[in-house]
N, C-alpha and C. Protein backbone atom coordinates (compact mmCIF):
# COMPACT_ATOMS: atom_id res chain seq x y z
N MET A 1 29.41 -0.04 105.18
CA MET A 1 29.14 -1.51 104.77
C MET A 1 30.60 -1.74 103.49
N SER A 2 30.48 -0.64 102.61
CA SER A 2 31.80 -0.72 101.74
C SER A 2 33.24 -0.98 102.41
N LYS A 3 33.50 -0.30 103.65
CA LYS A 3 34.37 -0.68 104.04
C LYS A 3 34.75 -2.10 104.66
N GLN A 4 33.81 -2.48 105.28
CA GLN A 4 33.54 -3.86 105.70
C GLN A 4 33.63 -4.74 104.50
N LEU A 5 33.50 -4.58 103.31
CA LEU A 5 33.62 -5.52 101.99
C LEU A 5 34.72 -5.29 101.21
N ILE A 6 35.47 -4.16 101.67
CA ILE A 6 36.88 -3.95 100.96
C ILE A 6 37.81 -4.75 102.11
N GLU A 7 37.54 -4.63 103.52
CA GLU A 7 38.13 -5.42 104.48
C GLU A 7 38.33 -6.86 104.32
N ALA A 8 37.19 -7.24 103.70
CA ALA A 8 36.89 -8.86 103.51
C ALA A 8 37.70 -9.17 102.24
N GLY A 9 37.99 -8.54 101.62
CA GLY A 9 38.59 -8.56 100.24
C GLY A 9 38.03 -8.52 99.07
N VAL A 10 36.73 -7.75 99.17
CA VAL A 10 35.80 -7.72 97.85
C VAL A 10 36.00 -6.23 97.66
N GLU A 11 37.01 -6.05 96.33
CA GLU A 11 37.44 -4.50 95.99
C GLU A 11 36.37 -4.14 94.84
N PHE A 12 35.83 -5.12 94.05
CA PHE A 12 35.47 -4.80 92.83
C PHE A 12 33.88 -5.41 92.76
N ALA A 13 32.99 -4.61 92.44
CA ALA A 13 31.57 -4.94 91.91
C ALA A 13 31.88 -5.28 90.65
N TRP A 14 31.14 -6.56 90.26
CA TRP A 14 31.58 -6.91 88.68
C TRP A 14 30.55 -7.13 87.57
N HIS A 15 30.55 -6.22 86.67
CA HIS A 15 29.58 -6.77 85.71
C HIS A 15 29.95 -8.18 84.87
N TYR A 16 29.25 -8.76 84.73
CA TYR A 16 29.40 -10.14 83.74
C TYR A 16 28.92 -10.04 82.76
N THR A 17 29.70 -10.47 81.46
CA THR A 17 28.96 -10.41 80.07
C THR A 17 29.82 -11.62 79.39
N THR A 18 29.40 -11.70 78.03
CA THR A 18 30.19 -12.50 77.24
C THR A 18 31.27 -11.80 76.52
N GLY A 19 32.27 -12.44 75.95
CA GLY A 19 33.03 -12.34 74.83
C GLY A 19 32.44 -11.31 73.96
N GLN A 20 31.75 -11.98 73.07
CA GLN A 20 30.77 -11.51 72.01
C GLN A 20 30.19 -10.19 72.22
N ILE A 21 29.33 -9.91 73.54
CA ILE A 21 28.91 -8.60 73.96
C ILE A 21 29.89 -7.43 74.39
N PHE A 22 31.05 -8.07 74.88
CA PHE A 22 32.20 -7.34 75.19
C PHE A 22 33.02 -6.37 74.22
N LYS A 23 32.62 -7.01 73.22
CA LYS A 23 33.70 -6.30 72.00
C LYS A 23 32.38 -4.83 71.39
N ALA A 24 31.41 -5.18 71.70
CA ALA A 24 30.71 -3.77 71.65
C ALA A 24 30.77 -2.63 72.79
N ILE A 25 30.64 -3.31 73.75
CA ILE A 25 31.02 -2.71 75.25
C ILE A 25 32.48 -1.89 74.94
N ALA A 26 33.57 -2.55 74.57
CA ALA A 26 34.76 -1.96 74.42
C ALA A 26 34.87 -0.90 73.24
N ASP A 27 34.38 -1.29 72.21
CA ASP A 27 34.08 -0.31 71.20
C ASP A 27 33.28 0.88 71.46
N ARG A 28 32.38 0.81 72.27
CA ARG A 28 31.55 1.99 72.73
C ARG A 28 32.45 2.91 73.99
N GLY A 29 32.87 1.98 74.65
CA GLY A 29 33.55 2.67 75.78
C GLY A 29 32.87 2.94 76.79
N MET A 30 31.85 2.08 77.02
CA MET A 30 30.70 2.39 78.00
C MET A 30 29.90 1.41 78.04
N LEU A 31 29.24 1.24 79.51
CA LEU A 31 28.61 -0.09 79.75
C LEU A 31 27.18 0.76 79.85
N LEU A 32 26.02 0.42 79.03
CA LEU A 32 24.96 1.13 78.86
C LEU A 32 23.77 0.72 79.71
N THR A 33 22.78 1.29 80.10
CA THR A 33 21.73 0.75 81.13
C THR A 33 20.83 0.15 80.30
N GLU A 34 20.19 -0.74 81.04
CA GLU A 34 18.93 -1.61 80.18
C GLU A 34 18.11 -0.46 79.21
N ASN A 35 17.56 0.66 79.96
CA ASN A 35 16.77 1.50 79.16
C ASN A 35 17.61 2.13 77.86
N GLU A 36 18.83 2.05 77.54
CA GLU A 36 19.38 2.44 76.57
C GLU A 36 19.41 1.27 75.53
N THR A 37 19.77 0.04 75.85
CA THR A 37 19.98 -1.06 75.40
C THR A 37 18.38 -1.69 74.48
N THR A 38 17.61 -1.32 75.51
CA THR A 38 16.18 -2.14 75.37
C THR A 38 15.16 -0.63 75.63
N PRO A 39 14.77 0.08 74.41
CA PRO A 39 14.17 1.42 74.77
C PRO A 39 12.79 1.24 75.18
N GLU A 40 12.27 0.11 74.93
CA GLU A 40 10.75 0.00 75.22
C GLU A 40 10.55 -0.59 76.75
N ALA A 41 9.87 0.35 77.90
CA ALA A 41 9.98 -0.06 79.12
C ALA A 41 8.90 -1.10 78.89
N ILE A 42 9.23 -2.27 79.50
CA ILE A 42 8.02 -3.50 79.87
C ILE A 42 7.36 -3.37 80.74
N ILE A 43 7.80 -3.03 82.19
CA ILE A 43 7.02 -2.60 83.20
C ILE A 43 7.18 -1.23 83.75
N PRO A 44 6.13 -0.53 83.58
CA PRO A 44 6.19 1.00 84.15
C PRO A 44 6.68 1.04 85.31
N GLY A 45 7.49 1.96 85.75
CA GLY A 45 8.35 2.57 86.89
C GLY A 45 9.47 1.53 87.19
N LEU A 46 9.81 0.35 86.56
CA LEU A 46 10.89 -0.46 87.07
C LEU A 46 12.10 0.22 86.35
N LEU A 47 12.88 0.59 87.13
CA LEU A 47 14.23 0.85 86.43
C LEU A 47 15.18 0.48 85.95
N GLY A 48 15.48 0.86 84.87
CA GLY A 48 16.46 0.02 84.02
C GLY A 48 17.94 0.25 84.52
N GLY A 49 19.11 -0.34 84.50
CA GLY A 49 20.16 0.03 85.07
C GLY A 49 21.44 -0.83 84.54
N VAL A 50 22.62 -0.59 85.01
CA VAL A 50 23.65 -1.69 84.84
C VAL A 50 23.88 -2.33 85.90
N TRP A 51 23.84 -3.64 85.70
CA TRP A 51 24.07 -4.48 86.89
C TRP A 51 25.04 -5.08 87.36
N PHE A 52 25.87 -5.03 88.44
CA PHE A 52 26.89 -5.39 89.13
C PHE A 52 26.60 -6.45 90.14
N SER A 53 27.51 -7.26 90.35
CA SER A 53 27.26 -8.59 91.62
C SER A 53 28.84 -8.31 92.28
N LEU A 54 28.74 -8.71 93.85
CA LEU A 54 29.69 -8.56 94.42
C LEU A 54 30.38 -10.00 94.43
N ARG A 55 29.53 -11.02 93.72
CA ARG A 55 30.33 -12.45 93.58
C ARG A 55 31.50 -12.39 92.88
N GLN A 56 32.34 -13.21 93.03
CA GLN A 56 33.73 -12.98 92.82
C GLN A 56 34.00 -14.24 91.81
N ASP A 57 33.13 -14.81 91.67
CA ASP A 57 33.49 -16.09 90.51
C ASP A 57 32.69 -15.99 89.25
N TYR A 58 31.22 -15.90 89.34
CA TYR A 58 30.67 -15.67 88.26
C TYR A 58 29.07 -15.08 88.86
N GLU A 59 28.34 -14.48 88.08
CA GLU A 59 26.87 -14.19 88.75
C GLU A 59 25.97 -15.21 87.76
N PRO A 60 25.15 -15.68 88.51
CA PRO A 60 24.56 -16.89 87.89
C PRO A 60 23.20 -15.98 86.93
N THR A 61 22.90 -14.57 87.28
CA THR A 61 21.68 -14.07 86.25
C THR A 61 22.47 -13.80 85.38
N ALA A 62 23.74 -13.42 84.97
CA ALA A 62 24.36 -13.29 83.89
C ALA A 62 24.09 -14.52 82.75
N CYS A 63 23.63 -15.56 83.29
CA CYS A 63 23.46 -16.66 82.19
C CYS A 63 22.68 -16.08 81.13
N LYS A 64 22.76 -16.87 79.91
CA LYS A 64 21.95 -16.26 78.94
C LYS A 64 21.00 -17.42 78.52
N ARG A 65 19.75 -16.93 78.08
CA ARG A 65 18.60 -17.69 77.44
C ARG A 65 19.08 -18.60 76.39
N ILE A 66 18.90 -19.72 76.05
CA ILE A 66 18.95 -20.72 74.99
C ILE A 66 17.43 -20.82 74.48
N ILE A 67 17.57 -20.55 73.15
CA ILE A 67 16.51 -20.76 72.25
C ILE A 67 16.17 -21.88 71.34
N PHE A 68 15.50 -22.70 71.48
CA PHE A 68 15.73 -23.75 70.57
C PHE A 68 15.08 -23.68 69.27
N THR A 69 15.21 -24.55 68.27
CA THR A 69 14.45 -24.45 66.83
C THR A 69 13.07 -24.41 67.03
N ASP A 70 12.63 -25.24 67.64
CA ASP A 70 10.94 -25.08 68.01
C ASP A 70 10.55 -24.18 68.83
N GLY A 71 11.07 -23.34 69.16
CA GLY A 71 10.78 -22.00 70.21
C GLY A 71 10.65 -22.07 71.63
N ARG A 72 11.08 -23.40 72.19
CA ARG A 72 11.27 -23.48 73.25
C ARG A 72 12.37 -22.63 74.13
N THR A 73 12.42 -22.29 75.12
CA THR A 73 13.55 -21.53 75.80
C THR A 73 13.98 -22.22 77.01
N ARG A 74 15.23 -21.91 77.77
CA ARG A 74 15.67 -22.12 78.93
C ARG A 74 16.68 -21.39 79.30
N ARG A 75 17.08 -21.52 80.54
CA ARG A 75 17.94 -20.53 80.78
C ARG A 75 19.13 -21.57 80.60
N GLY A 76 20.10 -21.04 80.00
CA GLY A 76 21.63 -21.82 80.05
C GLY A 76 22.66 -21.69 81.32
N THR A 77 23.15 -22.74 81.40
CA THR A 77 24.21 -22.75 82.52
C THR A 77 25.44 -21.79 82.51
N TRP A 78 26.26 -21.56 83.14
CA TRP A 78 27.46 -20.66 83.16
C TRP A 78 28.45 -21.26 81.86
N GLU A 79 28.55 -22.48 81.91
CA GLU A 79 29.49 -22.97 80.79
C GLU A 79 28.91 -22.91 79.52
N GLU A 80 27.60 -23.12 79.62
CA GLU A 80 26.77 -22.69 77.90
C GLU A 80 27.08 -21.52 77.71
N THR A 81 26.42 -20.54 78.60
CA THR A 81 26.94 -18.88 78.24
C THR A 81 28.18 -18.72 77.92
N ILE A 82 29.21 -19.04 78.43
CA ILE A 82 30.51 -19.18 77.85
C ILE A 82 31.01 -19.73 76.55
N GLU A 83 30.56 -20.82 76.47
CA GLU A 83 30.82 -21.57 74.96
C GLU A 83 30.02 -20.83 73.83
N MET A 84 28.28 -20.33 73.98
CA MET A 84 27.79 -19.60 73.05
C MET A 84 28.04 -18.30 72.89
N GLY A 85 28.73 -17.46 73.82
CA GLY A 85 28.96 -16.23 73.88
C GLY A 85 30.41 -15.61 73.71
N GLY A 86 31.31 -16.96 73.27
CA GLY A 86 32.48 -16.55 72.64
C GLY A 86 33.14 -15.88 74.20
N GLY A 87 33.04 -16.79 75.21
CA GLY A 87 33.91 -16.75 76.43
C GLY A 87 33.37 -15.80 77.19
N ALA A 88 33.76 -15.24 78.53
CA ALA A 88 33.36 -14.64 79.79
C ALA A 88 34.11 -13.38 79.96
N VAL A 89 33.26 -12.16 80.16
CA VAL A 89 34.59 -10.99 80.57
C VAL A 89 33.52 -10.63 81.64
N ARG A 90 34.44 -10.02 82.70
CA ARG A 90 33.91 -9.20 83.65
C ARG A 90 34.36 -7.71 83.72
N ILE A 91 33.86 -7.08 84.11
CA ILE A 91 34.15 -5.13 84.21
C ILE A 91 34.04 -4.86 85.78
N GLY A 92 35.04 -4.33 86.22
CA GLY A 92 35.07 -4.32 87.83
C GLY A 92 35.21 -2.73 87.92
N VAL A 93 34.02 -2.33 89.05
CA VAL A 93 34.33 -0.80 89.42
C VAL A 93 34.27 -0.86 90.64
N ALA A 94 34.74 0.23 91.14
CA ALA A 94 35.13 0.11 92.89
C ALA A 94 33.77 -0.02 93.71
N VAL A 95 34.07 -0.95 94.61
CA VAL A 95 32.70 -1.54 95.45
C VAL A 95 32.38 -0.50 96.00
N ASP A 96 33.07 0.83 96.24
CA ASP A 96 32.05 1.94 97.21
C ASP A 96 31.99 3.08 96.05
N ALA A 97 32.06 2.75 94.68
CA ALA A 97 31.63 3.66 93.68
C ALA A 97 30.18 4.28 93.95
N PRO A 98 30.39 5.77 94.13
CA PRO A 98 29.46 6.59 94.71
C PRO A 98 27.99 6.56 93.80
N PHE A 99 28.26 5.97 92.40
CA PHE A 99 27.03 5.93 91.43
C PHE A 99 26.45 4.40 91.84
N LEU A 100 26.89 3.42 92.68
CA LEU A 100 26.45 2.16 92.56
C LEU A 100 25.20 2.29 93.66
N LEU A 101 24.27 1.62 93.63
CA LEU A 101 23.06 1.54 94.50
C LEU A 101 23.00 0.10 94.95
N THR A 102 22.70 -0.47 96.40
CA THR A 102 22.44 -1.58 96.62
C THR A 102 20.97 -2.33 96.41
N TRP A 103 20.75 -3.06 96.41
CA TRP A 103 19.35 -3.86 95.92
C TRP A 103 18.23 -3.00 96.84
N ASN A 104 18.34 -2.54 98.17
CA ASN A 104 17.31 -1.98 98.76
C ASN A 104 17.18 -0.56 98.19
N GLY A 105 18.75 -0.11 97.99
CA GLY A 105 18.25 1.47 97.31
C GLY A 105 17.55 1.35 96.07
N TYR A 106 18.35 0.27 95.39
CA TYR A 106 17.21 0.17 93.93
C TYR A 106 15.57 -0.16 94.05
N ARG A 107 15.52 -0.98 94.83
CA ARG A 107 14.00 -1.34 95.26
C ARG A 107 13.32 0.03 95.58
N ASP A 108 13.75 0.71 96.67
CA ASP A 108 13.35 1.92 96.93
C ASP A 108 12.92 3.02 95.96
N ARG A 109 14.03 2.92 95.09
CA ARG A 109 13.80 4.23 93.99
C ARG A 109 12.54 3.56 92.92
N CYS A 110 12.51 2.59 92.75
CA CYS A 110 11.60 1.90 91.84
C CYS A 110 10.10 2.48 92.01
N THR A 111 9.36 2.75 90.87
CA THR A 111 8.10 3.19 91.37
C THR A 111 6.91 2.34 90.80
N CYS A 112 7.50 1.11 90.18
CA CYS A 112 6.77 0.02 89.87
C CYS A 112 5.61 -0.66 91.05
N GLU A 113 4.67 -1.41 90.69
CA GLU A 113 4.31 -2.35 91.38
C GLU A 113 5.27 -3.04 92.19
N LYS A 114 4.99 -2.96 93.76
CA LYS A 114 6.30 -4.01 94.27
C LYS A 114 6.34 -5.50 94.01
N LYS A 115 5.26 -6.04 93.28
CA LYS A 115 4.98 -7.38 93.17
C LYS A 115 6.16 -7.70 92.08
N TYR A 116 6.69 -6.57 91.24
CA TYR A 116 7.66 -6.67 90.18
C TYR A 116 9.04 -6.86 90.61
N ILE A 117 9.31 -6.16 92.04
CA ILE A 117 10.35 -6.15 92.64
C ILE A 117 10.45 -7.49 93.35
N ARG A 118 9.59 -8.08 94.00
CA ARG A 118 9.59 -9.35 94.47
C ARG A 118 9.92 -10.41 93.57
N GLN A 119 9.36 -10.38 92.22
CA GLN A 119 9.50 -11.24 91.23
C GLN A 119 11.30 -11.42 90.67
N LEU A 120 11.53 -10.01 90.57
CA LEU A 120 13.25 -9.97 90.54
C LEU A 120 13.87 -10.80 91.43
N ARG A 121 13.49 -10.32 92.91
CA ARG A 121 14.28 -10.91 94.05
C ARG A 121 14.07 -12.54 93.81
N ASP A 122 12.74 -12.98 93.38
CA ASP A 122 12.51 -14.48 93.48
C ASP A 122 13.25 -14.97 92.39
N VAL A 123 13.21 -14.58 91.02
CA VAL A 123 13.98 -15.22 89.99
C VAL A 123 15.39 -14.98 90.24
N ALA A 124 15.94 -14.40 90.81
CA ALA A 124 17.06 -14.37 91.32
C ALA A 124 17.73 -15.59 92.11
N LEU A 125 17.02 -15.60 93.22
CA LEU A 125 16.90 -16.68 94.26
C LEU A 125 16.82 -17.75 93.60
N MET A 126 16.02 -18.18 92.78
CA MET A 126 15.83 -19.44 91.85
C MET A 126 16.98 -19.83 91.28
N ARG A 127 17.73 -18.88 90.86
CA ARG A 127 19.15 -18.62 89.88
C ARG A 127 20.50 -19.26 90.84
N GLY A 128 20.14 -18.75 92.09
CA GLY A 128 21.38 -19.14 92.89
C GLY A 128 22.13 -17.82 93.30
N SER A 129 21.41 -16.66 92.74
CA SER A 129 21.84 -15.37 93.43
C SER A 129 21.42 -14.87 94.64
N ASN A 130 22.17 -13.55 94.80
CA ASN A 130 21.60 -13.27 96.38
C ASN A 130 21.61 -11.57 95.88
N VAL A 131 20.37 -11.31 96.19
CA VAL A 131 20.18 -9.72 95.75
C VAL A 131 21.03 -8.85 96.39
N HIS A 132 21.44 -9.25 97.88
CA HIS A 132 21.94 -8.41 98.21
C HIS A 132 23.39 -8.17 97.93
N GLN A 133 23.85 -8.92 97.17
CA GLN A 133 25.21 -9.17 96.53
C GLN A 133 25.26 -8.06 95.24
N PHE A 134 23.97 -7.72 95.03
CA PHE A 134 23.67 -6.83 93.57
C PHE A 134 24.22 -5.48 93.60
N ARG A 135 24.42 -4.71 93.01
CA ARG A 135 24.74 -3.24 93.01
C ARG A 135 24.33 -3.05 91.38
N VAL A 136 23.58 -1.58 91.40
CA VAL A 136 23.18 -1.31 90.00
C VAL A 136 23.42 0.38 89.92
N SER A 137 23.71 0.51 88.58
CA SER A 137 24.00 2.20 88.39
C SER A 137 22.64 2.37 87.36
N LEU A 138 22.37 3.76 87.85
CA LEU A 138 21.07 4.11 86.97
C LEU A 138 21.41 4.95 86.01
N THR A 139 23.03 4.85 85.78
CA THR A 139 23.53 5.64 84.58
C THR A 139 24.36 4.74 83.96
N SER A 140 24.82 5.21 82.75
CA SER A 140 25.67 4.44 81.98
C SER A 140 27.16 4.60 82.68
N VAL A 141 28.02 3.64 82.48
CA VAL A 141 29.25 3.63 82.98
C VAL A 141 30.25 3.74 82.34
N PRO A 142 30.94 4.98 81.92
CA PRO A 142 32.01 5.12 81.28
C PRO A 142 33.28 4.36 81.45
N ARG A 143 34.01 4.08 80.62
CA ARG A 143 35.38 3.42 80.73
C ARG A 143 36.21 4.16 81.83
N ALA A 144 36.31 5.19 82.06
CA ALA A 144 37.10 5.92 83.23
C ALA A 144 36.67 5.42 84.64
N HIS A 145 35.52 4.45 84.59
CA HIS A 145 35.03 4.02 85.92
C HIS A 145 35.45 2.49 86.32
N TRP A 146 35.97 1.96 85.10
CA TRP A 146 36.12 0.88 84.95
C TRP A 146 37.82 0.52 85.81
N MET A 147 37.78 -0.28 86.86
CA MET A 147 38.90 -0.39 87.74
C MET A 147 39.87 -1.61 87.11
N ALA A 148 39.01 -2.45 86.37
CA ALA A 148 39.55 -3.87 86.04
C ALA A 148 38.66 -4.40 84.93
N VAL A 149 39.33 -5.15 83.99
CA VAL A 149 38.54 -5.92 82.92
C VAL A 149 39.31 -7.43 83.12
N GLU A 150 38.73 -8.37 83.16
CA GLU A 150 39.47 -9.59 82.96
C GLU A 150 38.50 -10.63 82.34
N THR A 151 39.35 -11.89 81.55
CA THR A 151 38.50 -12.78 80.99
C THR A 151 38.66 -13.96 81.33
N LEU A 152 37.79 -14.91 81.35
CA LEU A 152 38.11 -16.37 81.96
C LEU A 152 38.99 -17.42 81.22
N LYS A 153 39.83 -17.50 81.58
CA LYS A 153 40.87 -18.40 80.62
C LYS A 153 41.21 -19.83 81.61
N ASP A 154 40.87 -20.84 81.28
CA ASP A 154 41.46 -22.12 82.03
C ASP A 154 41.13 -22.08 83.57
N GLY A 155 39.53 -21.31 83.57
CA GLY A 155 39.05 -21.84 84.94
C GLY A 155 39.39 -20.38 85.99
N LYS A 156 40.26 -19.45 85.20
CA LYS A 156 40.61 -18.64 86.34
C LYS A 156 40.79 -17.31 85.31
N TRP A 157 40.50 -16.16 86.09
CA TRP A 157 40.15 -14.85 85.71
C TRP A 157 41.32 -13.76 85.59
N LYS A 158 41.58 -13.51 84.53
CA LYS A 158 42.84 -12.96 83.94
C LYS A 158 42.97 -11.70 83.35
N PRO A 159 43.65 -10.42 83.77
CA PRO A 159 43.33 -9.33 83.39
C PRO A 159 43.40 -9.37 81.75
N VAL A 160 42.82 -8.22 81.33
CA VAL A 160 42.77 -7.92 79.52
C VAL A 160 43.11 -6.52 79.54
N GLU A 161 43.77 -6.17 78.45
CA GLU A 161 43.81 -5.29 77.99
C GLU A 161 42.83 -4.37 77.48
N VAL A 162 42.56 -3.36 77.51
CA VAL A 162 41.44 -2.83 76.70
C VAL A 162 41.65 -1.65 75.83
């Protein structure tokens, strides 16, 4: 599959984030797994990882939650995420990197109740994502594996020096 993706022009799997969060990532020189950034496991057996997408424009599941003063919340749009997060940044790794699992590979390694995997899939679909475009690393991803870092400027992704 990776050769087919590369032939189709998909060179990178992207980790999408905000400008504010990217500053900490760059300082650390590493993309941390969810287990490392949120130490308490909410669902036993659900594996935390570093999530990537084969989407080349943006990943809808990367949109941040908006919390209102009255406690209500909703998922923000991509534009709101960019505005509130100090811009958008994406980190690219080789689409065929050996540490990346496909959605099916991730699903099969999780030992949680399968209803949680179905819920993840359903939420992704509701947000406009395709889980078969997801890739996940179950280990942190150091800067040495970053093949590209880009920021969104005037609607176009532009390279950034790290």
